[in-house]
Amino acid sequence: MESSEKFFEKVYAVVRLIPYGKVSSYGAIARHLGSAGASRMVGWAMNASHNRADIPAHRVVNRKGLLTGKHHFGGSRLMQQLLENEGVVVKDNQVQYFDKHFWDPGKELPCSQK
């Protein structure tokens, strides 16, 4: 199994590609990387990235669109504010119109991005 550091860097490479105004999920990123059962590890990578301005971690939510990582954003509403600044509507800590905003790296990126 690859080191968590290498896996985290692969996660970051995918997260950097999430378009402005879109969100992806921990599971979709894990599946794209060929590690379908590693959603939690993607979450750990997002947690470890909170001091890196080059990683738009606010665009990664759970499979239902919930802002489960919001407590890692310095203020309780910062993740929501960042998403709303991009035109994503959030209500009760959940992305509204999730299907419209969802970006699936498995469908959007070539397999060579793994």
PDB file of N, CA and C in Angstrom:
ATOM      1  N   MET A   1       0.847  -1.196   0.000  1.00  0.00           N
ATOM      2  CA  MET A   1       0.000   0.000   0.000  1.00  0.00           C
ATOM      3  C   MET A   1       0.882   1.245   0.000  1.00  0.00           C
ATOM      4  N   GLU A   2       0.466   2.255  -0.755  1.00  0.00           N
ATOM      5  CA  GLU A   2       1.269   3.469  -0.829  1.00  0.00           C
ATOM      6  C   GLU A   2       1.206   4.244   0.486  1.00  0.00           C
ATOM      7  N   SER A   3       2.198   5.085   0.697  1.00  0.00           N
ATOM      8  CA  SER A   3       2.231   5.874   1.930  1.00  0.00           C
ATOM      9  C   SER A   3       1.088   6.878   1.933  1.00  0.00           C
ATOM     10  N   SER A   4       0.682   7.262   3.131  1.00  0.00           N
ATOM     11  CA  SER A   4      -0.406   8.236   3.222  1.00  0.00           C
ATOM     12  C   SER A   4       0.029   9.575   2.630  1.00  0.00           C
ATOM     13  N   GLU A   5       1.307   9.900   2.714  1.00  0.00           N
ATOM     14  CA  GLU A   5       1.800  11.156   2.143  1.00  0.00           C
ATOM     15  C   GLU A   5       1.592  11.176   0.621  1.00  0.00           C
ATOM     16  N   LYS A   6       1.907  10.071  -0.050  1.00  0.00           N
ATOM     17  CA  LYS A   6       1.700   9.993  -1.503  1.00  0.00           C
ATOM     18  C   LYS A   6       0.208  10.059  -1.832  1.00  0.00           C
ATOM     19  N   PHE A   7      -0.603   9.353  -1.044  1.00  0.00           N
ATOM     20  CA  PHE A   7      -2.048   9.374  -1.270  1.00  0.00           C
ATOM     21  C   PHE A   7      -2.589  10.786  -1.090  1.00  0.00           C
ATOM     22  N   PHE A   8      -2.160  11.473  -0.029  1.00  0.00           N
ATOM     23  CA  PHE A   8      -2.613  12.843   0.221  1.00  0.00           C
ATOM     24  C   PHE A   8      -2.268  13.727  -0.971  1.00  0.00           C
ATOM     25  N   GLU A   9      -1.074  13.599  -1.527  1.00  0.00           N
ATOM     26  CA  GLU A   9      -0.678  14.427  -2.674  1.00  0.00           C
ATOM     27  C   GLU A   9      -1.551  14.133  -3.892  1.00  0.00           C
ATOM     28  N   LYS A  10      -1.938  12.868  -4.075  1.00  0.00           N
ATOM     29  CA  LYS A  10      -2.842  12.527  -5.176  1.00  0.00           C
ATOM     30  C   LYS A  10      -4.218  13.161  -4.948  1.00  0.00           C
ATOM     31  N   VAL A  11      -4.673  13.140  -3.703  1.00  0.00           N
ATOM     32  CA  VAL A  11      -5.945  13.778  -3.360  1.00  0.00           C
ATOM     33  C   VAL A  11      -5.863  15.267  -3.670  1.00  0.00           C
ATOM     34  N   TYR A  12      -4.792  15.909  -3.238  1.00  0.00           N
ATOM     35  CA  TYR A  12      -4.639  17.353  -3.459  1.00  0.00           C
ATOM     36  C   TYR A  12      -4.626  17.683  -4.947  1.00  0.00           C
ATOM     37  N   ALA A  13      -4.004  16.839  -5.743  1.00  0.00           N
ATOM     38  CA  ALA A  13      -3.957  17.072  -7.193  1.00  0.00           C
ATOM     39  C   ALA A  13      -5.370  17.073  -7.769  1.00  0.00           C
ATOM     40  N   VAL A  14      -6.220  16.172  -7.298  1.00  0.00           N
ATOM     41  CA  VAL A  14      -7.604  16.109  -7.778  1.00  0.00           C
ATOM     42  C   VAL A  14      -8.399  17.314  -7.264  1.00  0.00           C
ATOM     43  N   VAL A  15      -8.251  17.631  -5.990  1.00  0.00           N
ATOM     44  CA  VAL A  15      -9.015  18.727  -5.390  1.00  0.00           C
ATOM     45  C   VAL A  15      -8.684  20.054  -6.071  1.00  0.00           C
ATOM     46  N   ARG A  16      -7.436  20.237  -6.455  1.00  0.00           N
ATOM     47  CA  ARG A  16      -7.063  21.473  -7.161  1.00  0.00           C
ATOM     48  C   ARG A  16      -7.803  21.622  -8.492  1.00  0.00           C
ATOM     49  N   LEU A  17      -8.300  20.526  -9.040  1.00  0.00           N
ATOM     50  CA  LEU A  17      -8.993  20.542 -10.333  1.00  0.00           C
ATOM     51  C   LEU A  17     -10.501  20.756 -10.219  1.00  0.00           C
ATOM     52  N   ILE A  18     -11.041  20.750  -8.998  1.00  0.00           N
ATOM     53  CA  ILE A  18     -12.484  20.973  -8.837  1.00  0.00           C
ATOM     54  C   ILE A  18     -12.770  22.405  -9.292  1.00  0.00           C
ATOM     55  N   PRO A  19     -13.627  22.558 -10.280  1.00  0.00           N
ATOM     56  CA  PRO A  19     -13.899  23.900 -10.808  1.00  0.00           C
ATOM     57  C   PRO A  19     -14.577  24.827  -9.797  1.00  0.00           C
ATOM     58  N   TYR A  20     -14.352  26.099  -9.986  1.00  0.00           N
ATOM     59  CA  TYR A  20     -15.012  27.157  -9.224  1.00  0.00           C
ATOM     60  C   TYR A  20     -16.525  26.935  -9.315  1.00  0.00           C
ATOM     61  N   GLY A  21     -17.205  27.007  -8.174  1.00  0.00           N
ATOM     62  CA  GLY A  21     -18.652  26.839  -8.166  1.00  0.00           C
ATOM     63  C   GLY A  21     -19.121  25.400  -8.162  1.00  0.00           C
ATOM     64  N   LYS A  22     -18.193  24.467  -8.058  1.00  0.00           N
ATOM     65  CA  LYS A  22     -18.532  23.041  -8.016  1.00  0.00           C
ATOM     66  C   LYS A  22     -18.035  22.440  -6.711  1.00  0.00           C
ATOM     67  N   VAL A  23     -18.588  21.294  -6.358  1.00  0.00           N
ATOM     68  CA  VAL A  23     -18.136  20.543  -5.191  1.00  0.00           C
ATOM     69  C   VAL A  23     -17.950  19.081  -5.597  1.00  0.00           C
ATOM     70  N   SER A  24     -17.126  18.394  -4.840  1.00  0.00           N
ATOM     71  CA  SER A  24     -16.976  16.955  -5.020  1.00  0.00           C
ATOM     72  C   SER A  24     -17.099  16.316  -3.649  1.00  0.00           C
ATOM     73  N   SER A  25     -17.075  15.002  -3.620  1.00  0.00           N
ATOM     74  CA  SER A  25     -17.216  14.300  -2.333  1.00  0.00           C
ATOM     75  C   SER A  25     -15.972  13.483  -2.034  1.00  0.00           C
ATOM     76  N   TYR A  26     -15.821  13.172  -0.771  1.00  0.00           N
ATOM     77  CA  TYR A  26     -14.696  12.344  -0.323  1.00  0.00           C
ATOM     78  C   TYR A  26     -14.690  11.021  -1.087  1.00  0.00           C
ATOM     79  N   GLY A  27     -15.869  10.416  -1.199  1.00  0.00           N
ATOM     80  CA  GLY A  27     -15.980   9.119  -1.861  1.00  0.00           C
ATOM     81  C   GLY A  27     -15.678   9.173  -3.343  1.00  0.00           C
ATOM     82  N   ALA A  28     -16.148  10.219  -4.022  1.00  0.00           N
ATOM     83  CA  ALA A  28     -15.887  10.345  -5.464  1.00  0.00           C
ATOM     84  C   ALA A  28     -14.397  10.491  -5.731  1.00  0.00           C
ATOM     85  N   ILE A  29     -13.725  11.239  -4.880  1.00  0.00           N
ATOM     86  CA  ILE A  29     -12.280  11.417  -5.039  1.00  0.00           C
ATOM     87  C   ILE A  29     -11.565  10.100  -4.778  1.00  0.00           C
ATOM     88  N   ALA A  30     -11.969   9.392  -3.725  1.00  0.00           N
ATOM     89  CA  ALA A  30     -11.352   8.096  -3.405  1.00  0.00           C
ATOM     90  C   ALA A  30     -11.556   7.101  -4.548  1.00  0.00           C
ATOM     91  N   ARG A  31     -12.771   7.035  -5.086  1.00  0.00           N
ATOM     92  CA  ARG A  31     -13.050   6.118  -6.200  1.00  0.00           C
ATOM     93  C   ARG A  31     -12.187   6.459  -7.413  1.00  0.00           C
ATOM     94  N   HIS A  32     -12.077   7.735  -7.716  1.00  0.00           N
ATOM     95  CA  HIS A  32     -11.274   8.157  -8.859  1.00  0.00           C
ATOM     96  C   HIS A  32      -9.817   7.716  -8.698  1.00  0.00           C
ATOM     97  N   LEU A  33      -9.340   7.722  -7.470  1.00  0.00           N
ATOM     98  CA  LEU A  33      -7.952   7.337  -7.212  1.00  0.00           C
ATOM     99  C   LEU A  33      -7.780   5.826  -7.090  1.00  0.00           C
ATOM    100  N   GLY A  34      -8.865   5.080  -7.317  1.00  0.00           N
ATOM    101  CA  GLY A  34      -8.781   3.623  -7.272  1.00  0.00           C
ATOM    102  C   GLY A  34      -8.799   3.055  -5.870  1.00  0.00           C
ATOM    103  N   SER A  35      -9.274   3.852  -4.914  1.00  0.00           N
ATOM    104  CA  SER A  35      -9.334   3.431  -3.511  1.00  0.00           C
ATOM    105  C   SER A  35     -10.731   3.688  -2.970  1.00  0.00           C
ATOM    106  N   ALA A  36     -11.704   2.989  -3.519  1.00  0.00           N
ATOM    107  CA  ALA A  36     -13.106   3.238  -3.194  1.00  0.00           C
ATOM    108  C   ALA A  36     -13.408   3.246  -1.695  1.00  0.00           C
ATOM    109  N   GLY A  37     -12.698   2.486  -0.915  1.00  0.00           N
ATOM    110  CA  GLY A  37     -12.962   2.432   0.521  1.00  0.00           C
ATOM    111  C   GLY A  37     -12.199   3.454   1.334  1.00  0.00           C
ATOM    112  N   ALA A  38     -11.582   4.417   0.678  1.00  0.00           N
ATOM    113  CA  ALA A  38     -10.700   5.351   1.383  1.00  0.00           C
ATOM    114  C   ALA A  38     -11.277   6.756   1.542  1.00  0.00           C
ATOM    115  N   SER A  39     -12.598   6.861   1.594  1.00  0.00           N
ATOM    116  CA  SER A  39     -13.222   8.180   1.769  1.00  0.00           C
ATOM    117  C   SER A  39     -12.713   8.879   3.019  1.00  0.00           C
ATOM    118  N   ARG A  40     -12.585   8.126   4.084  1.00  0.00           N
ATOM    119  CA  ARG A  40     -12.125   8.703   5.348  1.00  0.00           C
ATOM    120  C   ARG A  40     -10.706   9.234   5.203  1.00  0.00           C
ATOM    121  N   MET A  41      -9.874   8.521   4.456  1.00  0.00           N
ATOM    122  CA  MET A  41      -8.502   8.973   4.248  1.00  0.00           C
ATOM    123  C   MET A  41      -8.473  10.272   3.424  1.00  0.00           C
ATOM    124  N   VAL A  42      -9.412  10.403   2.487  1.00  0.00           N
ATOM    125  CA  VAL A  42      -9.535  11.661   1.750  1.00  0.00           C
ATOM    126  C   VAL A  42      -9.898  12.775   2.737  1.00  0.00           C
ATOM    127  N   GLY A  43     -10.769  12.477   3.670  1.00  0.00           N
ATOM    128  CA  GLY A  43     -11.121  13.447   4.714  1.00  0.00           C
ATOM    129  C   GLY A  43      -9.920  13.834   5.549  1.00  0.00           C
ATOM    130  N   TRP A  44      -9.087  12.864   5.884  1.00  0.00           N
ATOM    131  CA  TRP A  44      -7.868  13.173   6.649  1.00  0.00           C
ATOM    132  C   TRP A  44      -6.948  14.079   5.835  1.00  0.00           C
ATOM    133  N   ALA A  45      -6.879  13.817   4.532  1.00  0.00           N
ATOM    134  CA  ALA A  45      -6.056  14.665   3.664  1.00  0.00           C
ATOM    135  C   ALA A  45      -6.597  16.093   3.670  1.00  0.00           C
ATOM    136  N   MET A  46      -7.914  16.230   3.599  1.00  0.00           N
ATOM    137  CA  MET A  46      -8.505  17.573   3.627  1.00  0.00           C
ATOM    138  C   MET A  46      -8.215  18.259   4.955  1.00  0.00           C
ATOM    139  N   ASN A  47      -8.303  17.510   6.031  1.00  0.00           N
ATOM    140  CA  ASN A  47      -8.002  18.059   7.354  1.00  0.00           C
ATOM    141  C   ASN A  47      -6.550  18.541   7.420  1.00  0.00           C
ATOM    142  N   ALA A  48      -5.649  17.778   6.833  1.00  0.00           N
ATOM    143  CA  ALA A  48      -4.229  18.135   6.859  1.00  0.00           C
ATOM    144  C   ALA A  48      -3.901  19.293   5.926  1.00  0.00           C
ATOM    145  N   SER A  49      -4.833  19.670   5.068  1.00  0.00           N
ATOM    146  CA  SER A  49      -4.562  20.710   4.067  1.00  0.00           C
ATOM    147  C   SER A  49      -5.012  22.098   4.487  1.00  0.00           C
ATOM    148  N   HIS A  50      -5.582  22.236   5.661  1.00  0.00           N
ATOM    149  CA  HIS A  50      -6.219  23.514   5.997  1.00  0.00           C
ATOM    150  C   HIS A  50      -5.271  24.712   6.057  1.00  0.00           C
ATOM    151  N   ASN A  51      -3.980  24.504   6.081  1.00  0.00           N
ATOM    152  CA  ASN A  51      -3.031  25.622   6.055  1.00  0.00           C
ATOM    153  C   ASN A  51      -2.448  25.853   4.661  1.00  0.00           C
ATOM    154  N   ARG A  52      -2.973  25.167   3.668  1.00  0.00           N
ATOM    155  CA  ARG A  52      -2.447  25.280   2.300  1.00  0.00           C
ATOM    156  C   ARG A  52      -3.454  26.018   1.421  1.00  0.00           C
ATOM    157  N   ALA A  53      -3.100  27.238   1.054  1.00  0.00           N
ATOM    158  CA  ALA A  53      -3.999  28.079   0.265  1.00  0.00           C
ATOM    159  C   ALA A  53      -4.212  27.551  -1.155  1.00  0.00           C
ATOM    160  N   ASP A  54      -3.324  26.662  -1.623  1.00  0.00           N
ATOM    161  CA  ASP A  54      -3.437  26.153  -2.994  1.00  0.00           C
ATOM    162  C   ASP A  54      -4.420  24.998  -3.129  1.00  0.00           C
ATOM    163  N   ILE A  55      -5.044  24.606  -2.037  1.00  0.00           N
ATOM    164  CA  ILE A  55      -5.977  23.479  -2.066  1.00  0.00           C
ATOM    165  C   ILE A  55      -7.367  23.972  -1.655  1.00  0.00           C
ATOM    166  N   PRO A  56      -8.321  23.993  -2.579  1.00  0.00           N
ATOM    167  CA  PRO A  56      -9.672  24.479  -2.258  1.00  0.00           C
ATOM    168  C   PRO A  56     -10.496  23.427  -1.505  1.00  0.00           C
ATOM    169  N   ALA A  57     -10.077  23.139  -0.291  1.00  0.00           N
ATOM    170  CA  ALA A  57     -10.711  22.092   0.514  1.00  0.00           C
ATOM    171  C   ALA A  57     -12.187  22.377   0.787  1.00  0.00           C
ATOM    172  N   HIS A  58     -12.601  23.635   0.708  1.00  0.00           N
ATOM    173  CA  HIS A  58     -14.003  23.968   0.950  1.00  0.00           C
ATOM    174  C   HIS A  58     -14.921  23.355  -0.104  1.00  0.00           C
ATOM    175  N   ARG A  59     -14.360  22.904  -1.217  1.00  0.00           N
ATOM    176  CA  ARG A  59     -15.165  22.300  -2.288  1.00  0.00           C
ATOM    177  C   ARG A  59     -15.382  20.804  -2.104  1.00  0.00           C
ATOM    178  N   VAL A  60     -14.915  20.240  -0.996  1.00  0.00           N
ATOM    179  CA  VAL A  60     -15.082  18.806  -0.749  1.00  0.00           C
ATOM    180  C   VAL A  60     -16.078  18.623   0.396  1.00  0.00           C
ATOM    181  N   VAL A  61     -17.157  17.924   0.086  1.00  0.00           N
ATOM    182  CA  VAL A  61     -18.249  17.708   1.039  1.00  0.00           C
ATOM    183  C   VAL A  61     -18.555  16.204   1.100  1.00  0.00           C
ATOM    184  N   ASN A  62     -19.490  15.831   1.948  1.00  0.00           N
ATOM    185  CA  ASN A  62     -19.819  14.398   1.980  1.00  0.00           C
ATOM    186  C   ASN A  62     -20.778  14.045   0.848  1.00  0.00           C
ATOM    187  N   ARG A  63     -21.121  12.791   0.727  1.00  0.00           N
ATOM    188  CA  ARG A  63     -21.896  12.301  -0.425  1.00  0.00           C
ATOM    189  C   ARG A  63     -23.308  12.873  -0.501  1.00  0.00           C
ATOM    190  N   LYS A  64     -23.767  13.477   0.592  1.00  0.00           N
ATOM    191  CA  LYS A  64     -25.092  14.098   0.603  1.00  0.00           C
ATOM    192  C   LYS A  64     -25.013  15.617   0.482  1.00  0.00           C
ATOM    193  N   GLY A  65     -23.788  16.127   0.326  1.00  0.00           N
ATOM    194  CA  GLY A  65     -23.613  17.568   0.209  1.00  0.00           C
ATOM    195  C   GLY A  65     -23.467  18.289   1.530  1.00  0.00           C
ATOM    196  N   LEU A  66     -23.302  17.537   2.608  1.00  0.00           N
ATOM    197  CA  LEU A  66     -23.146  18.161   3.926  1.00  0.00           C
ATOM    198  C   LEU A  66     -21.731  18.697   4.116  1.00  0.00           C
ATOM    199  N   LEU A  67     -21.616  19.838   4.759  1.00  0.00           N
ATOM    200  CA  LEU A  67     -20.322  20.455   5.028  1.00  0.00           C
ATOM    201  C   LEU A  67     -19.699  19.822   6.267  1.00  0.00           C
ATOM    202  N   THR A  68     -19.348  18.576   6.165  1.00  0.00           N
ATOM    203  CA  THR A  68     -18.837  17.843   7.328  1.00  0.00           C
ATOM    204  C   THR A  68     -17.451  18.319   7.768  1.00  0.00           C
ATOM    205  N   GLY A  69     -16.716  18.998   6.899  1.00  0.00           N
ATOM    206  CA  GLY A  69     -15.387  19.480   7.260  1.00  0.00           C
ATOM    207  C   GLY A  69     -15.366  20.914   7.742  1.00  0.00           C
ATOM    208  N   LYS A  70     -16.529  21.499   7.981  1.00  0.00           N
ATOM    209  CA  LYS A  70     -16.607  22.929   8.288  1.00  0.00           C
ATOM    210  C   LYS A  70     -15.848  23.335   9.543  1.00  0.00           C
ATOM    211  N   HIS A  71     -15.711  22.448  10.505  1.00  0.00           N
ATOM    212  CA  HIS A  71     -15.029  22.825  11.756  1.00  0.00           C
ATOM    213  C   HIS A  71     -13.525  23.007  11.566  1.00  0.00           C
ATOM    214  N   HIS A  72     -12.994  22.686  10.391  1.00  0.00           N
ATOM    215  CA  HIS A  72     -11.566  22.871  10.112  1.00  0.00           C
ATOM    216  C   HIS A  72     -11.281  24.216   9.446  1.00  0.00           C
ATOM    217  N   PHE A  73     -12.290  25.081   9.359  1.00  0.00           N
ATOM    218  CA  PHE A  73     -12.148  26.346   8.652  1.00  0.00           C
ATOM    219  C   PHE A  73     -12.171  27.559   9.570  1.00  0.00           C
ATOM    220  N   GLY A  74     -11.493  27.515  10.671  1.00  0.00           N
ATOM    221  CA  GLY A  74     -11.302  28.681  11.515  1.00  0.00           C
ATOM    222  C   GLY A  74     -12.549  29.323  12.080  1.00  0.00           C
ATOM    223  N   GLY A  75     -13.569  29.472  11.319  1.00  0.00           N
ATOM    224  CA  GLY A  75     -14.833  30.015  11.777  1.00  0.00           C
ATOM    225  C   GLY A  75     -15.932  29.049  11.394  1.00  0.00           C
ATOM    226  N   SER A  76     -16.986  29.026  12.142  1.00  0.00           N
ATOM    227  CA  SER A  76     -18.021  28.021  11.895  1.00  0.00           C
ATOM    228  C   SER A  76     -18.724  28.207  10.552  1.00  0.00           C
ATOM    229  N   ARG A  77     -18.636  29.409   9.957  1.00  0.00           N
ATOM    230  CA  ARG A  77     -19.326  29.646   8.690  1.00  0.00           C
ATOM    231  C   ARG A  77     -18.374  29.864   7.519  1.00  0.00           C
ATOM    232  N   LEU A  78     -17.066  29.768   7.729  1.00  0.00           N
ATOM    233  CA  LEU A  78     -16.116  30.089   6.671  1.00  0.00           C
ATOM    234  C   LEU A  78     -16.266  29.180   5.453  1.00  0.00           C
ATOM    235  N   MET A  79     -16.415  27.876   5.662  1.00  0.00           N
ATOM    236  CA  MET A  79     -16.568  26.956   4.540  1.00  0.00           C
ATOM    237  C   MET A  79     -17.813  27.333   3.733  1.00  0.00           C
ATOM    238  N   GLN A  80     -18.910  27.605   4.429  1.00  0.00           N
ATOM    239  CA  GLN A  80     -20.147  28.006   3.767  1.00  0.00           C
ATOM    240  C   GLN A  80     -19.943  29.313   3.016  1.00  0.00           C
ATOM    241  N   GLN A  81     -19.286  30.283   3.626  1.00  0.00           N
ATOM    242  CA  GLN A  81     -19.064  31.574   2.976  1.00  0.00           C
ATOM    243  C   GLN A  81     -18.231  31.430   1.712  1.00  0.00           C
ATOM    244  N   LEU A  82     -17.186  30.587   1.762  1.00  0.00           N
ATOM    245  CA  LEU A  82     -16.353  30.368   0.584  1.00  0.00           C
ATOM    246  C   LEU A  82     -17.165  29.763  -0.558  1.00  0.00           C
ATOM    247  N   LEU A  83     -18.018  28.804  -0.232  1.00  0.00           N
ATOM    248  CA  LEU A  83     -18.866  28.191  -1.253  1.00  0.00           C
ATOM    249  C   LEU A  83     -19.886  29.202  -1.794  1.00  0.00           C
ATOM    250  N   GLU A  84     -20.499  29.958  -0.903  1.00  0.00           N
ATOM    251  CA  GLU A  84     -21.487  30.942  -1.334  1.00  0.00           C
ATOM    252  C   GLU A  84     -20.851  32.016  -2.210  1.00  0.00           C
ATOM    253  N   ASN A  85     -19.596  32.366  -1.937  1.00  0.00           N
ATOM    254  CA  ASN A  85     -18.878  33.322  -2.782  1.00  0.00           C
ATOM    255  C   ASN A  85     -18.723  32.804  -4.202  1.00  0.00           C
ATOM    256  N   GLU A  86     -18.808  31.483  -4.367  1.00  0.00           N
ATOM    257  CA  GLU A  86     -18.685  30.851  -5.682  1.00  0.00           C
ATOM    258  C   GLU A  86     -20.056  30.550  -6.299  1.00  0.00           C
ATOM    259  N   GLY A  87     -21.109  31.002  -5.641  1.00  0.00           N
ATOM    260  CA  GLY A  87     -22.452  30.804  -6.180  1.00  0.00           C
ATOM    261  C   GLY A  87     -23.129  29.518  -5.738  1.00  0.00           C
ATOM    262  N   VAL A  88     -22.542  28.798  -4.794  1.00  0.00           N
ATOM    263  CA  VAL A  88     -23.133  27.560  -4.288  1.00  0.00           C
ATOM    264  C   VAL A  88     -24.050  27.913  -3.119  1.00  0.00           C
ATOM    265  N   VAL A  89     -25.305  27.538  -3.198  1.00  0.00           N
ATOM    266  CA  VAL A  89     -26.264  27.823  -2.132  1.00  0.00           C
ATOM    267  C   VAL A  89     -26.130  26.756  -1.054  1.00  0.00           C
ATOM    268  N   VAL A  90     -25.974  27.210   0.194  1.00  0.00           N
ATOM    269  CA  VAL A  90     -25.853  26.300   1.330  1.00  0.00           C
ATOM    270  C   VAL A  90     -26.936  26.659   2.343  1.00  0.00           C
ATOM    271  N   LYS A  91     -27.670  25.659   2.776  1.00  0.00           N
ATOM    272  CA  LYS A  91     -28.715  25.859   3.780  1.00  0.00           C
ATOM    273  C   LYS A  91     -28.601  24.749   4.801  1.00  0.00           C
ATOM    274  N   ASP A  92     -28.589  25.117   6.068  1.00  0.00           N
ATOM    275  CA  ASP A  92     -28.467  24.137   7.156  1.00  0.00           C
ATOM    276  C   ASP A  92     -27.260  23.224   6.944  1.00  0.00           C
ATOM    277  N   ASN A  93     -26.127  23.839   6.574  1.00  0.00           N
ATOM    278  CA  ASN A  93     -24.858  23.121   6.377  1.00  0.00           C
ATOM    279  C   ASN A  93     -24.908  22.098   5.245  1.00  0.00           C
ATOM    280  N   GLN A  94     -25.787  22.289   4.283  1.00  0.00           N
ATOM    281  CA  GLN A  94     -25.897  21.350   3.168  1.00  0.00           C
ATOM    282  C   GLN A  94     -25.993  22.113   1.841  1.00  0.00           C
ATOM    283  N   VAL A  95     -25.221  21.638   0.857  1.00  0.00           N
ATOM    284  CA  VAL A  95     -25.258  22.221  -0.480  1.00  0.00           C
ATOM    285  C   VAL A  95     -26.635  21.967  -1.081  1.00  0.00           C
ATOM    286  N   GLN A  96     -27.267  23.026  -1.528  1.00  0.00           N
ATOM    287  CA  GLN A  96     -28.555  22.918  -2.203  1.00  0.00           C
ATOM    288  C   GLN A  96     -28.302  22.685  -3.697  1.00  0.00           C
ATOM    289  N   TYR A  97     -29.221  22.023  -4.355  1.00  0.00           N
ATOM    290  CA  TYR A  97     -29.071  21.704  -5.780  1.00  0.00           C
ATOM    291  C   TYR A  97     -27.755  20.941  -6.004  1.00  0.00           C
ATOM    292  N   PHE A  98     -27.527  19.965  -5.137  1.00  0.00           N
ATOM    293  CA  PHE A  98     -26.267  19.210  -5.116  1.00  0.00           C
ATOM    294  C   PHE A  98     -25.927  18.637  -6.488  1.00  0.00           C
ATOM    295  N   ASP A  99     -26.908  18.072  -7.182  1.00  0.00           N
ATOM    296  CA  ASP A  99     -26.647  17.480  -8.503  1.00  0.00           C
ATOM    297  C   ASP A  99     -26.103  18.515  -9.489  1.00  0.00           C
ATOM    298  N   LYS A 100     -26.576  19.725  -9.392  1.00  0.00           N
ATOM    299  CA  LYS A 100     -26.136  20.804 -10.278  1.00  0.00           C
ATOM    300  C   LYS A 100     -24.667  21.180  -9.998  1.00  0.00           C
ATOM    301  N   HIS A 101     -24.285  21.139  -8.740  1.00  0.00           N
ATOM    302  CA  HIS A 101     -22.944  21.581  -8.340  1.00  0.00           C
ATOM    303  C   HIS A 101     -21.925  20.450  -8.244  1.00  0.00           C
ATOM    304  N   PHE A 102     -22.400  19.207  -8.278  1.00  0.00           N
ATOM    305  CA  PHE A 102     -21.494  18.070  -8.064  1.00  0.00           C
ATOM    306  C   PHE A 102     -20.570  17.856  -9.259  1.00  0.00           C
ATOM    307  N   TRP A 103     -19.302  17.700  -8.962  1.00  0.00           N
ATOM    308  CA  TRP A 103     -18.266  17.433  -9.960  1.00  0.00           C
ATOM    309  C   TRP A 103     -17.652  16.082  -9.621  1.00  0.00           C
ATOM    310  N   ASP A 104     -17.793  15.132 -10.519  1.00  0.00           N
ATOM    311  CA  ASP A 104     -17.295  13.774 -10.299  1.00  0.00           C
ATOM    312  C   ASP A 104     -15.985  13.595 -11.065  1.00  0.00           C
ATOM    313  N   PRO A 105     -14.863  13.509 -10.353  1.00  0.00           N
ATOM    314  CA  PRO A 105     -13.585  13.363 -11.056  1.00  0.00           C
ATOM    315  C   PRO A 105     -13.522  12.088 -11.885  1.00  0.00           C
ATOM    316  N   GLY A 106     -14.266  11.070 -11.488  1.00  0.00           N
ATOM    317  CA  GLY A 106     -14.285   9.822 -12.252  1.00  0.00           C
ATOM    318  C   GLY A 106     -14.874   9.989 -13.639  1.00  0.00           C
ATOM    319  N   LYS A 107     -15.755  10.960 -13.784  1.00  0.00           N
ATOM    320  CA  LYS A 107     -16.368  11.234 -15.089  1.00  0.00           C
ATOM    321  C   LYS A 107     -15.687  12.379 -15.818  1.00  0.00           C
ATOM    322  N   GLU A 108     -15.111  13.301 -15.073  1.00  0.00           N
ATOM    323  CA  GLU A 108     -14.555  14.517 -15.652  1.00  0.00           C
ATOM    324  C   GLU A 108     -13.062  14.441 -15.994  1.00  0.00           C
ATOM    325  N   LEU A 109     -12.347  13.546 -15.334  1.00  0.00           N
ATOM    326  CA  LEU A 109     -10.908  13.467 -15.541  1.00  0.00           C
ATOM    327  C   LEU A 109     -10.537  12.166 -16.241  1.00  0.00           C
ATOM    328  N   PRO A 110      -9.520  12.205 -17.057  1.00  0.00           N
ATOM    329  CA  PRO A 110      -9.053  10.954 -17.680  1.00  0.00           C
ATOM    330  C   PRO A 110      -8.429  10.055 -16.619  1.00  0.00           C
ATOM    331  N   CYS A 111      -8.423   8.784 -16.878  1.00  0.00           N
ATOM    332  CA  CYS A 111      -7.840   7.820 -15.935  1.00  0.00           C
ATOM    333  C   CYS A 111      -6.382   8.129 -15.649  1.00  0.00           C
ATOM    334  N   SER A 112      -5.701   8.791 -16.549  1.00  0.00           N
ATOM    335  CA  SER A 112      -4.275   9.096 -16.343  1.00  0.00           C
ATOM    336  C   SER A 112      -4.067  10.113 -15.217  1.00  0.00           C
ATOM    337  N   GLN A 113      -5.117  10.706 -14.701  1.00  0.00           N
ATOM    338  CA  GLN A 113      -5.008  11.667 -13.590  1.00  0.00           C
ATOM    339  C   GLN A 113      -4.835  10.969 -12.254  1.00  0.00           C
ATOM    340  N   LYS A 114      -4.889   9.665 -12.217  1.00  0.00           N
ATOM    341  CA  LYS A 114      -4.802   8.937 -10.939  1.00  0.00           C
ATOM    342  C   LYS A 114      -3.420   8.980 -10.370  1.00  0.00           C
TER     343      LYS A 114
END
